[in-house]
Amino acid sequence: KTLEDAFALAPRLDIVYKIPPGNTPDFYALEVLGNVLSSGRSSRLYQSLVREKELAIRVSAGPDERRGPSLYWISVVARPGVNVSEVEAMVYKVLEEMKTRPVADWELDKIKLQLRRQRAQSLYSTRSRANALGHYAVYYGEPDLINQIEDKLSQVTKADLQRVALTYLKQNNRTVVTTLPAKNAPNRMDGSHR
């Protein structure tokens, strides 16, 4: 579906795939895959869409954790004036590469180290640890997951990444929404909205 948004400054592409619930082996593999695709300047989508082709301003990818069936999001904010169909085709090209070629050892190691650092930073305060304990208790009845998540993420292999990409990131399992700036909206970039 394509939508027009009077508040949008640039085109946006959202591709959403149906995935299994959180706290499953596939969910953890999809979490790592999201980081391979969009975490940092060396990530796959950033390199392709932002740096090399200069089609996008921002990219993000990853699973949305739920107790039941969940969603895997890929969101791209395209540069103004760029054909969003070209952006979408490039996203699919990157996903196909994930399915056919395993990630490099350095790439997987980098992501696992990033996830470990982010997790340590997110649990720094007593309040954040209490929130995490509550989250795991309410979602899964397992507050001790706070001590197990790192191990679950570290067990994800390159083969797991290919397997979940092949299983879930396919055409008959996705919904695509393109949001375009409204044609008749005032140009907020030039200050005419005042």
N, C-alpha and C. Protein backbone atom coordinates (compact mmCIF):
# COMPACT_ATOMS: atom_id res chain seq x y z
N LYS A 1 0.84 -1.18 0.00
CA LYS A 1 0.00 0.00 0.00
C LYS A 1 0.88 1.23 0.00
N THR A 2 0.43 2.26 -0.65
CA THR A 2 1.13 3.54 -0.66
C THR A 2 0.24 4.59 -0.02
N LEU A 3 0.82 5.34 0.91
CA LEU A 3 0.09 6.38 1.63
C LEU A 3 0.77 7.73 1.42
N GLU A 4 -0.02 8.79 1.49
CA GLU A 4 0.55 10.13 1.50
C GLU A 4 0.39 10.69 2.91
N ASP A 5 1.43 11.37 3.39
CA ASP A 5 1.43 11.93 4.74
C ASP A 5 1.83 13.39 4.66
N ALA A 6 0.95 14.27 5.13
CA ALA A 6 1.21 15.71 5.07
C ALA A 6 2.38 16.11 5.96
N PHE A 7 2.76 15.28 6.90
CA PHE A 7 3.85 15.61 7.81
C PHE A 7 5.18 14.97 7.40
N ALA A 8 5.16 14.11 6.40
CA ALA A 8 6.39 13.43 5.98
C ALA A 8 7.30 14.40 5.25
N LEU A 9 8.59 14.37 5.60
CA LEU A 9 9.59 15.19 4.93
C LEU A 9 10.30 14.42 3.82
N ALA A 10 10.27 13.09 3.93
CA ALA A 10 10.95 12.24 2.95
C ALA A 10 10.16 10.95 2.80
N PRO A 11 10.33 10.26 1.68
CA PRO A 11 9.65 8.97 1.50
C PRO A 11 10.16 7.94 2.51
N ARG A 12 9.28 7.04 2.91
CA ARG A 12 9.66 5.98 3.85
C ARG A 12 9.10 4.66 3.35
N LEU A 13 9.91 3.64 3.47
CA LEU A 13 9.54 2.29 3.08
C LEU A 13 9.56 1.41 4.33
N ASP A 14 8.45 0.72 4.59
CA ASP A 14 8.36 -0.23 5.70
C ASP A 14 7.99 -1.58 5.13
N ILE A 15 8.87 -2.56 5.37
CA ILE A 15 8.63 -3.94 4.96
C ILE A 15 8.54 -4.76 6.23
N VAL A 16 7.43 -5.47 6.41
CA VAL A 16 7.19 -6.19 7.66
C VAL A 16 6.93 -7.66 7.34
N TYR A 17 7.62 -8.53 8.09
CA TYR A 17 7.47 -9.98 7.92
C TYR A 17 6.90 -10.59 9.19
N LYS A 18 6.08 -11.62 9.05
CA LYS A 18 5.56 -12.34 10.22
C LYS A 18 6.64 -13.30 10.72
N ILE A 19 6.84 -13.31 12.05
CA ILE A 19 7.86 -14.17 12.66
C ILE A 19 7.30 -14.81 13.93
N PRO A 20 8.03 -15.75 14.52
CA PRO A 20 7.55 -16.41 15.75
C PRO A 20 7.70 -15.50 16.97
N PRO A 21 7.17 -15.94 18.10
CA PRO A 21 7.24 -15.14 19.33
C PRO A 21 8.68 -14.92 19.81
N GLY A 22 8.81 -14.00 20.77
CA GLY A 22 10.09 -13.79 21.42
C GLY A 22 10.48 -15.01 22.23
N ASN A 23 11.72 -15.02 22.69
CA ASN A 23 12.28 -16.09 23.51
C ASN A 23 12.20 -17.46 22.84
N THR A 24 12.45 -17.47 21.54
CA THR A 24 12.57 -18.71 20.78
C THR A 24 13.92 -18.66 20.05
N PRO A 25 14.49 -19.79 19.70
CA PRO A 25 15.78 -19.76 18.98
C PRO A 25 15.72 -18.92 17.70
N ASP A 26 14.62 -19.01 16.95
CA ASP A 26 14.52 -18.22 15.73
C ASP A 26 14.44 -16.73 16.04
N PHE A 27 13.77 -16.36 17.12
CA PHE A 27 13.70 -14.94 17.49
C PHE A 27 15.10 -14.39 17.75
N TYR A 28 15.92 -15.13 18.50
CA TYR A 28 17.27 -14.66 18.80
C TYR A 28 18.12 -14.55 17.53
N ALA A 29 17.94 -15.50 16.61
CA ALA A 29 18.65 -15.42 15.33
C ALA A 29 18.19 -14.19 14.54
N LEU A 30 16.90 -13.90 14.57
CA LEU A 30 16.38 -12.71 13.88
C LEU A 30 16.87 -11.43 14.54
N GLU A 31 17.06 -11.44 15.85
CA GLU A 31 17.62 -10.29 16.56
C GLU A 31 19.04 -10.01 16.06
N VAL A 32 19.85 -11.05 15.97
CA VAL A 32 21.21 -10.89 15.47
C VAL A 32 21.19 -10.45 14.00
N LEU A 33 20.31 -11.05 13.21
CA LEU A 33 20.19 -10.69 11.80
C LEU A 33 19.84 -9.21 11.62
N GLY A 34 18.93 -8.70 12.46
CA GLY A 34 18.58 -7.29 12.38
C GLY A 34 19.78 -6.39 12.58
N ASN A 35 20.67 -6.79 13.48
CA ASN A 35 21.88 -6.01 13.72
C ASN A 35 22.87 -6.12 12.57
N VAL A 36 22.98 -7.31 11.98
CA VAL A 36 23.84 -7.48 10.80
C VAL A 36 23.35 -6.56 9.68
N LEU A 37 22.04 -6.46 9.55
CA LEU A 37 21.48 -5.66 8.47
C LEU A 37 21.55 -4.15 8.71
N SER A 38 21.42 -3.71 9.99
CA SER A 38 21.24 -2.27 10.16
C SER A 38 21.97 -1.62 11.34
N SER A 39 22.82 -2.34 12.05
CA SER A 39 23.48 -1.74 13.21
C SER A 39 24.85 -1.18 12.84
N GLY A 40 24.93 0.11 12.74
CA GLY A 40 26.20 0.77 12.48
C GLY A 40 26.49 0.97 11.00
N ARG A 41 27.58 1.70 10.77
CA ARG A 41 27.95 2.08 9.41
C ARG A 41 28.46 0.93 8.57
N SER A 42 28.89 -0.16 9.20
CA SER A 42 29.37 -1.30 8.43
C SER A 42 28.26 -2.33 8.17
N SER A 43 27.03 -2.04 8.60
CA SER A 43 25.93 -2.98 8.41
C SER A 43 25.55 -3.07 6.93
N ARG A 44 24.91 -4.16 6.58
CA ARG A 44 24.61 -4.46 5.18
C ARG A 44 23.71 -3.40 4.52
N LEU A 45 22.60 -3.07 5.15
CA LEU A 45 21.68 -2.10 4.55
C LEU A 45 22.28 -0.71 4.52
N TYR A 46 22.99 -0.33 5.58
CA TYR A 46 23.63 1.00 5.60
C TYR A 46 24.64 1.11 4.47
N GLN A 47 25.49 0.10 4.32
CA GLN A 47 26.50 0.13 3.27
C GLN A 47 25.86 0.26 1.89
N SER A 48 24.84 -0.55 1.62
CA SER A 48 24.21 -0.55 0.30
C SER A 48 23.40 0.69 0.01
N LEU A 49 22.51 1.02 0.93
CA LEU A 49 21.52 2.07 0.66
C LEU A 49 21.98 3.48 0.99
N VAL A 50 22.76 3.62 2.05
CA VAL A 50 23.17 4.96 2.48
C VAL A 50 24.52 5.33 1.88
N ARG A 51 25.49 4.47 2.03
CA ARG A 51 26.85 4.81 1.64
C ARG A 51 27.11 4.63 0.15
N GLU A 52 26.85 3.44 -0.38
CA GLU A 52 27.22 3.16 -1.77
C GLU A 52 26.26 3.78 -2.78
N LYS A 53 24.97 3.48 -2.67
CA LYS A 53 23.99 3.94 -3.66
C LYS A 53 23.42 5.33 -3.34
N GLU A 54 23.60 5.79 -2.11
CA GLU A 54 23.08 7.09 -1.66
C GLU A 54 21.59 7.24 -1.94
N LEU A 55 20.84 6.17 -1.67
CA LEU A 55 19.40 6.18 -1.87
C LEU A 55 18.65 6.54 -0.59
N ALA A 56 19.27 6.34 0.56
CA ALA A 56 18.57 6.48 1.83
C ALA A 56 19.33 7.37 2.81
N ILE A 57 18.55 7.85 3.78
CA ILE A 57 19.10 8.66 4.87
C ILE A 57 19.31 7.79 6.10
N ARG A 58 18.36 6.87 6.32
CA ARG A 58 18.38 6.05 7.54
C ARG A 58 17.78 4.68 7.25
N VAL A 59 18.35 3.65 7.89
CA VAL A 59 17.84 2.29 7.78
C VAL A 59 17.75 1.67 9.17
N SER A 60 16.79 0.79 9.34
CA SER A 60 16.70 0.02 10.58
C SER A 60 16.03 -1.31 10.27
N ALA A 61 16.39 -2.33 11.07
CA ALA A 61 15.81 -3.66 10.88
C ALA A 61 15.87 -4.42 12.18
N GLY A 62 14.88 -5.26 12.41
CA GLY A 62 14.91 -6.11 13.59
C GLY A 62 13.53 -6.58 13.99
N PRO A 63 13.50 -7.54 14.91
CA PRO A 63 12.23 -8.11 15.35
C PRO A 63 11.58 -7.26 16.43
N ASP A 64 10.27 -7.35 16.48
CA ASP A 64 9.47 -6.72 17.53
C ASP A 64 9.07 -7.83 18.49
N GLU A 65 9.55 -7.78 19.71
CA GLU A 65 9.34 -8.88 20.65
C GLU A 65 7.91 -8.90 21.18
N ARG A 66 7.28 -10.04 21.04
CA ARG A 66 5.92 -10.27 21.54
C ARG A 66 5.85 -11.66 22.15
N ARG A 67 4.83 -11.87 22.97
CA ARG A 67 4.61 -13.21 23.55
C ARG A 67 4.05 -14.18 22.52
N GLY A 68 3.33 -13.64 21.57
CA GLY A 68 2.76 -14.46 20.51
C GLY A 68 3.45 -14.13 19.20
N PRO A 69 2.83 -14.51 18.08
CA PRO A 69 3.43 -14.19 16.78
C PRO A 69 3.81 -12.72 16.70
N SER A 70 4.91 -12.45 16.06
CA SER A 70 5.46 -11.11 16.07
C SER A 70 5.77 -10.63 14.66
N LEU A 71 6.46 -9.51 14.58
CA LEU A 71 6.80 -8.90 13.29
C LEU A 71 8.28 -8.56 13.24
N TYR A 72 8.82 -8.65 12.04
CA TYR A 72 10.20 -8.26 11.77
C TYR A 72 10.13 -7.06 10.83
N TRP A 73 10.68 -5.94 11.26
CA TRP A 73 10.57 -4.68 10.52
C TRP A 73 11.85 -4.35 9.77
N ILE A 74 11.70 -3.87 8.58
CA ILE A 74 12.79 -3.20 7.87
C ILE A 74 12.22 -1.85 7.45
N SER A 75 12.83 -0.79 7.95
CA SER A 75 12.36 0.57 7.64
C SER A 75 13.50 1.35 7.01
N VAL A 76 13.17 2.05 5.94
CA VAL A 76 14.15 2.86 5.23
C VAL A 76 13.56 4.24 4.97
N VAL A 77 14.27 5.27 5.39
CA VAL A 77 13.89 6.64 5.03
C VAL A 77 14.73 7.00 3.82
N ALA A 78 14.06 7.17 2.69
CA ALA A 78 14.76 7.45 1.43
C ALA A 78 15.11 8.93 1.33
N ARG A 79 16.09 9.21 0.52
CA ARG A 79 16.42 10.61 0.24
C ARG A 79 15.27 11.23 -0.56
N PRO A 80 14.97 12.49 -0.32
CA PRO A 80 13.91 13.14 -1.11
C PRO A 80 14.23 13.05 -2.60
N GLY A 81 13.20 12.75 -3.38
CA GLY A 81 13.35 12.66 -4.82
C GLY A 81 13.78 11.29 -5.33
N VAL A 82 14.13 10.38 -4.44
CA VAL A 82 14.56 9.05 -4.85
C VAL A 82 13.33 8.19 -5.15
N ASN A 83 13.44 7.34 -6.15
CA ASN A 83 12.37 6.41 -6.49
C ASN A 83 12.35 5.30 -5.43
N VAL A 84 11.27 5.21 -4.68
CA VAL A 84 11.17 4.25 -3.57
C VAL A 84 11.20 2.81 -4.10
N SER A 85 10.75 2.59 -5.32
CA SER A 85 10.82 1.24 -5.91
C SER A 85 12.26 0.77 -6.04
N GLU A 86 13.16 1.68 -6.34
CA GLU A 86 14.58 1.36 -6.43
C GLU A 86 15.14 0.99 -5.05
N VAL A 87 14.70 1.72 -4.03
CA VAL A 87 15.10 1.42 -2.65
C VAL A 87 14.61 0.03 -2.27
N GLU A 88 13.35 -0.26 -2.56
CA GLU A 88 12.76 -1.55 -2.22
C GLU A 88 13.52 -2.69 -2.92
N ALA A 89 13.84 -2.51 -4.19
CA ALA A 89 14.57 -3.54 -4.93
C ALA A 89 15.95 -3.78 -4.31
N MET A 90 16.60 -2.72 -3.85
CA MET A 90 17.92 -2.86 -3.25
C MET A 90 17.82 -3.59 -1.90
N VAL A 91 16.76 -3.34 -1.13
CA VAL A 91 16.56 -4.06 0.13
C VAL A 91 16.45 -5.55 -0.15
N TYR A 92 15.64 -5.92 -1.14
CA TYR A 92 15.47 -7.34 -1.47
C TYR A 92 16.77 -7.96 -1.94
N LYS A 93 17.58 -7.20 -2.65
CA LYS A 93 18.88 -7.70 -3.10
C LYS A 93 19.76 -8.03 -1.90
N VAL A 94 19.79 -7.14 -0.91
CA VAL A 94 20.59 -7.38 0.30
C VAL A 94 20.06 -8.61 1.04
N LEU A 95 18.74 -8.74 1.13
CA LEU A 95 18.16 -9.90 1.81
C LEU A 95 18.50 -11.20 1.08
N GLU A 96 18.48 -11.18 -0.24
CA GLU A 96 18.84 -12.38 -1.00
C GLU A 96 20.29 -12.78 -0.76
N GLU A 97 21.16 -11.78 -0.64
CA GLU A 97 22.56 -12.07 -0.33
C GLU A 97 22.68 -12.74 1.04
N MET A 98 21.85 -12.31 1.99
CA MET A 98 21.87 -12.93 3.33
C MET A 98 21.47 -14.39 3.24
N LYS A 99 20.60 -14.72 2.32
CA LYS A 99 20.10 -16.09 2.18
C LYS A 99 21.10 -17.00 1.48
N THR A 100 21.92 -16.44 0.61
CA THR A 100 22.79 -17.27 -0.22
C THR A 100 24.25 -17.27 0.21
N ARG A 101 24.69 -16.24 0.93
CA ARG A 101 26.08 -16.18 1.37
C ARG A 101 26.15 -15.97 2.87
N PRO A 102 26.88 -16.81 3.59
CA PRO A 102 26.98 -16.61 5.03
C PRO A 102 27.72 -15.32 5.36
N VAL A 103 27.40 -14.75 6.50
CA VAL A 103 28.11 -13.55 6.94
C VAL A 103 29.54 -13.93 7.28
N ALA A 104 30.41 -12.97 7.24
CA ALA A 104 31.82 -13.20 7.59
C ALA A 104 31.95 -13.39 9.10
N ASP A 105 32.99 -14.09 9.50
CA ASP A 105 33.23 -14.30 10.93
C ASP A 105 33.36 -12.97 11.67
N TRP A 106 34.12 -12.01 11.08
CA TRP A 106 34.31 -10.72 11.74
C TRP A 106 32.99 -9.99 11.93
N GLU A 107 32.10 -10.15 10.96
CA GLU A 107 30.80 -9.47 11.01
C GLU A 107 29.95 -10.01 12.15
N LEU A 108 29.89 -11.32 12.28
CA LEU A 108 29.12 -11.93 13.36
C LEU A 108 29.74 -11.63 14.71
N ASP A 109 31.07 -11.69 14.79
CA ASP A 109 31.75 -11.36 16.06
C ASP A 109 31.47 -9.92 16.46
N LYS A 110 31.53 -9.00 15.50
CA LYS A 110 31.26 -7.59 15.79
C LYS A 110 29.86 -7.40 16.35
N ILE A 111 28.88 -8.03 15.73
CA ILE A 111 27.49 -7.88 16.18
C ILE A 111 27.31 -8.46 17.57
N LYS A 112 27.88 -9.61 17.82
CA LYS A 112 27.74 -10.22 19.15
C LYS A 112 28.39 -9.34 20.23
N LEU A 113 29.52 -8.74 19.92
CA LEU A 113 30.15 -7.82 20.88
C LEU A 113 29.30 -6.58 21.09
N GLN A 114 28.71 -6.04 20.00
CA GLN A 114 27.83 -4.88 20.13
C GLN A 114 26.62 -5.21 20.99
N LEU A 115 26.01 -6.37 20.76
CA LEU A 115 24.84 -6.76 21.54
C LEU A 115 25.20 -6.94 23.01
N ARG A 116 26.36 -7.50 23.27
CA ARG A 116 26.80 -7.69 24.66
C ARG A 116 27.00 -6.33 25.35
N ARG A 117 27.66 -5.39 24.64
CA ARG A 117 27.87 -4.04 25.20
C ARG A 117 26.54 -3.33 25.43
N GLN A 118 25.64 -3.39 24.45
CA GLN A 118 24.34 -2.73 24.58
C GLN A 118 23.56 -3.30 25.75
N ARG A 119 23.63 -4.60 25.90
CA ARG A 119 22.91 -5.26 27.00
C ARG A 119 23.48 -4.83 28.35
N ALA A 120 24.79 -4.79 28.45
CA ALA A 120 25.42 -4.35 29.71
C ALA A 120 25.04 -2.91 30.02
N GLN A 121 25.03 -2.05 29.00
CA GLN A 121 24.65 -0.65 29.22
C GLN A 121 23.18 -0.53 29.60
N SER A 122 22.33 -1.36 29.00
CA SER A 122 20.90 -1.26 29.27
C SER A 122 20.55 -1.76 30.68
N LEU A 123 21.41 -2.56 31.29
CA LEU A 123 21.15 -3.10 32.63
C LEU A 123 21.99 -2.40 33.70
N TYR A 124 22.51 -1.23 33.39
CA TYR A 124 23.40 -0.53 34.30
C TYR A 124 22.70 -0.08 35.58
N SER A 125 21.50 0.42 35.45
CA SER A 125 20.80 0.95 36.63
C SER A 125 19.90 -0.10 37.28
N THR A 126 19.64 0.10 38.54
CA THR A 126 18.75 -0.80 39.28
C THR A 126 17.36 -0.79 38.64
N ARG A 127 16.90 0.37 38.22
CA ARG A 127 15.58 0.47 37.61
C ARG A 127 15.50 -0.33 36.30
N SER A 128 16.53 -0.23 35.48
CA SER A 128 16.49 -0.97 34.21
C SER A 128 16.54 -2.48 34.45
N ARG A 129 17.29 -2.92 35.45
CA ARG A 129 17.31 -4.35 35.77
C ARG A 129 15.94 -4.80 36.30
N ALA A 130 15.30 -3.96 37.12
CA ALA A 130 13.97 -4.30 37.63
C ALA A 130 12.96 -4.38 36.49
N ASN A 131 13.04 -3.43 35.55
CA ASN A 131 12.15 -3.46 34.38
C ASN A 131 12.36 -4.73 33.55
N ALA A 132 13.63 -5.12 33.35
CA ALA A 132 13.91 -6.33 32.58
C ALA A 132 13.39 -7.56 33.30
N LEU A 133 13.59 -7.64 34.60
CA LEU A 133 13.08 -8.78 35.38
C LEU A 133 11.56 -8.87 35.26
N GLY A 134 10.89 -7.72 35.39
CA GLY A 134 9.43 -7.69 35.25
C GLY A 134 8.98 -8.09 33.86
N HIS A 135 9.68 -7.60 32.86
CA HIS A 135 9.36 -7.93 31.47
C HIS A 135 9.42 -9.44 31.24
N TYR A 136 10.53 -10.06 31.64
CA TYR A 136 10.69 -11.49 31.43
C TYR A 136 9.70 -12.30 32.28
N ALA A 137 9.37 -11.80 33.46
CA ALA A 137 8.40 -12.50 34.31
C ALA A 137 7.00 -12.43 33.70
N VAL A 138 6.59 -11.27 33.21
CA VAL A 138 5.25 -11.09 32.66
C VAL A 138 5.13 -11.77 31.29
N TYR A 139 6.13 -11.56 30.42
CA TYR A 139 6.05 -12.12 29.07
C TYR A 139 6.17 -13.63 29.05
N TYR A 140 7.14 -14.16 29.80
CA TYR A 140 7.47 -15.58 29.65
C TYR A 140 7.40 -16.38 30.94
N GLY A 141 7.11 -15.72 32.07
CA GLY A 141 7.10 -16.43 33.34
C GLY A 141 8.50 -16.88 33.74
N GLU A 142 9.53 -16.22 33.21
CA GLU A 142 10.92 -16.61 33.45
C GLU A 142 11.78 -15.37 33.75
N PRO A 143 11.70 -14.84 34.97
CA PRO A 143 12.53 -13.67 35.27
C PRO A 143 14.02 -13.95 35.14
N ASP A 144 14.43 -15.22 35.25
CA ASP A 144 15.85 -15.57 35.15
C ASP A 144 16.39 -15.41 33.72
N LEU A 145 15.53 -15.12 32.77
CA LEU A 145 16.02 -14.85 31.41
C LEU A 145 17.01 -13.70 31.40
N ILE A 146 16.91 -12.82 32.38
CA ILE A 146 17.85 -11.70 32.46
C ILE A 146 19.30 -12.21 32.47
N ASN A 147 19.51 -13.40 32.99
CA ASN A 147 20.84 -13.99 33.06
C ASN A 147 21.14 -14.93 31.90
N GLN A 148 20.18 -15.17 31.02
CA GLN A 148 20.35 -16.16 29.95
C GLN A 148 20.38 -15.57 28.54
N ILE A 149 19.88 -14.34 28.38
CA ILE A 149 19.76 -13.75 27.05
C ILE A 149 21.11 -13.70 26.34
N GLU A 150 22.13 -13.27 27.03
CA GLU A 150 23.45 -13.16 26.40
C GLU A 150 23.91 -14.50 25.84
N ASP A 151 23.71 -15.58 26.60
CA ASP A 151 24.09 -16.92 26.12
C ASP A 151 23.27 -17.31 24.89
N LYS A 152 21.98 -16.98 24.91
CA LYS A 152 21.12 -17.34 23.77
C LYS A 152 21.56 -16.61 22.50
N LEU A 153 21.93 -15.33 22.65
CA LEU A 153 22.40 -14.56 21.49
C LEU A 153 23.77 -15.05 21.02
N SER A 154 24.64 -15.43 21.96
CA SER A 154 25.99 -15.87 21.58
C SER A 154 25.96 -17.22 20.88
N GLN A 155 24.89 -17.99 21.03
CA GLN A 155 24.80 -19.31 20.39
C GLN A 155 24.32 -19.23 18.94
N VAL A 156 23.90 -18.05 18.49
CA VAL A 156 23.43 -17.89 17.11
C VAL A 156 24.62 -18.07 16.16
N THR A 157 24.43 -18.88 15.14
CA THR A 157 25.49 -19.17 14.17
C THR A 157 25.19 -18.51 12.82
N LYS A 158 26.19 -18.52 11.96
CA LYS A 158 26.00 -18.01 10.60
C LYS A 158 24.92 -18.82 9.87
N ALA A 159 24.89 -20.12 10.11
CA ALA A 159 23.87 -20.97 9.49
C ALA A 159 22.48 -20.59 9.98
N ASP A 160 22.36 -20.23 11.27
CA ASP A 160 21.07 -19.79 11.81
C ASP A 160 20.58 -18.54 11.10
N LEU A 161 21.50 -17.61 10.83
CA LEU A 161 21.11 -16.37 10.15
C LEU A 161 20.57 -16.66 8.75
N GLN A 162 21.24 -17.54 8.03
CA GLN A 162 20.75 -17.90 6.69
C GLN A 162 19.41 -18.62 6.77
N ARG A 163 19.29 -19.51 7.74
CA ARG A 163 18.05 -20.29 7.88
C ARG A 163 16.86 -19.38 8.16
N VAL A 164 16.98 -18.44 9.11
CA VAL A 164 15.83 -17.58 9.42
C VAL A 164 15.55 -16.61 8.28
N ALA A 165 16.58 -16.17 7.57
CA ALA A 165 16.35 -15.30 6.42
C ALA A 165 15.55 -16.06 5.36
N LEU A 166 15.94 -17.31 5.10
CA LEU A 166 15.21 -18.13 4.12
C LEU A 166 13.80 -18.45 4.57
N THR A 167 13.62 -18.69 5.86
CA THR A 167 12.32 -19.12 6.39
C THR A 167 11.32 -17.98 6.47
N TYR A 168 11.74 -16.82 6.94
CA TYR A 168 10.78 -15.75 7.25
C TYR A 168 10.82 -14.57 6.29
N LEU A 169 11.97 -14.23 5.72
CA LEU A 169 12.07 -13.03 4.90
C LEU A 169 11.80 -13.35 3.44
N LYS A 170 10.57 -13.79 3.18
CA LYS A 170 10.19 -14.17 1.82
C LYS A 170 8.94 -13.41 1.38
N GLN A 171 8.75 -13.38 0.08
CA GLN A 171 7.71 -12.56 -0.54
C GLN A 171 6.31 -12.86 -0.02
N ASN A 172 5.97 -14.13 0.17
CA ASN A 172 4.60 -14.46 0.57
C ASN A 172 4.38 -14.30 2.08
N ASN A 173 5.33 -13.71 2.77
CA ASN A 173 5.23 -13.52 4.22
C ASN A 173 5.40 -12.06 4.61
N ARG A 174 5.22 -11.15 3.66
CA ARG A 174 5.52 -9.75 3.94
C ARG A 174 4.36 -8.82 3.59
N THR A 175 4.41 -7.67 4.23
CA THR A 175 3.53 -6.55 3.93
C THR A 175 4.43 -5.34 3.69
N VAL A 176 4.14 -4.57 2.66
CA VAL A 176 4.97 -3.43 2.31
C VAL A 176 4.11 -2.17 2.30
N VAL A 177 4.57 -1.15 3.03
CA VAL A 177 3.88 0.14 3.05
C VAL A 177 4.90 1.22 2.68
N THR A 178 4.53 2.02 1.69
CA THR A 178 5.35 3.16 1.28
C THR A 178 4.61 4.42 1.70
N THR A 179 5.31 5.29 2.41
CA THR A 179 4.73 6.55 2.84
C THR A 179 5.44 7.67 2.10
N LEU A 180 4.68 8.49 1.39
CA LEU A 180 5.23 9.58 0.60
C LEU A 180 4.79 10.92 1.16
N PRO A 181 5.62 11.95 1.05
CA PRO A 181 5.16 13.29 1.44
C PRO A 181 3.96 13.68 0.57
N ALA A 182 2.95 14.28 1.19
CA ALA A 182 1.76 14.69 0.44
C ALA A 182 2.13 15.75 -0.59
N LYS A 183 1.54 15.64 -1.76
CA LYS A 183 1.87 16.56 -2.86
C LYS A 183 1.45 17.99 -2.54
N ASN A 184 0.34 18.18 -1.85
CA ASN A 184 -0.17 19.52 -1.59
C ASN A 184 0.23 20.06 -0.22
N ALA A 185 1.10 19.35 0.50
CA ALA A 185 1.52 19.80 1.82
C ALA A 185 2.50 20.95 1.68
N PRO A 186 2.46 21.91 2.63
CA PRO A 186 3.44 23.01 2.56
C PRO A 186 4.85 22.47 2.72
N ASN A 187 5.79 23.11 2.09
CA ASN A 187 7.18 22.68 2.17
C ASN A 187 7.77 23.18 3.48
N ARG A 188 7.90 22.28 4.43
CA ARG A 188 8.41 22.65 5.75
C ARG A 188 9.92 22.87 5.73
N MET A 189 10.58 22.44 4.69
CA MET A 189 12.04 22.60 4.59
C MET A 189 12.41 24.06 4.33
N ASP A 190 11.52 24.83 3.68
CA ASP A 190 11.86 26.21 3.36
C ASP A 190 11.27 27.22 4.33
N GLY A 191 10.64 26.75 5.41
CA GLY A 191 10.10 27.65 6.42
C GLY A 191 8.73 28.20 6.10
N SER A 192 8.06 27.72 5.04
CA SER A 192 6.75 28.25 4.66
C SER A 192 5.63 27.80 5.58
N HIS A 193 5.91 26.97 6.57
CA HIS A 193 4.87 26.48 7.47
C HIS A 193 4.53 27.47 8.56
N ARG A 194 5.23 28.57 8.64
CA ARG A 194 5.00 29.53 9.73
C ARG A 194 3.82 30.42 9.47
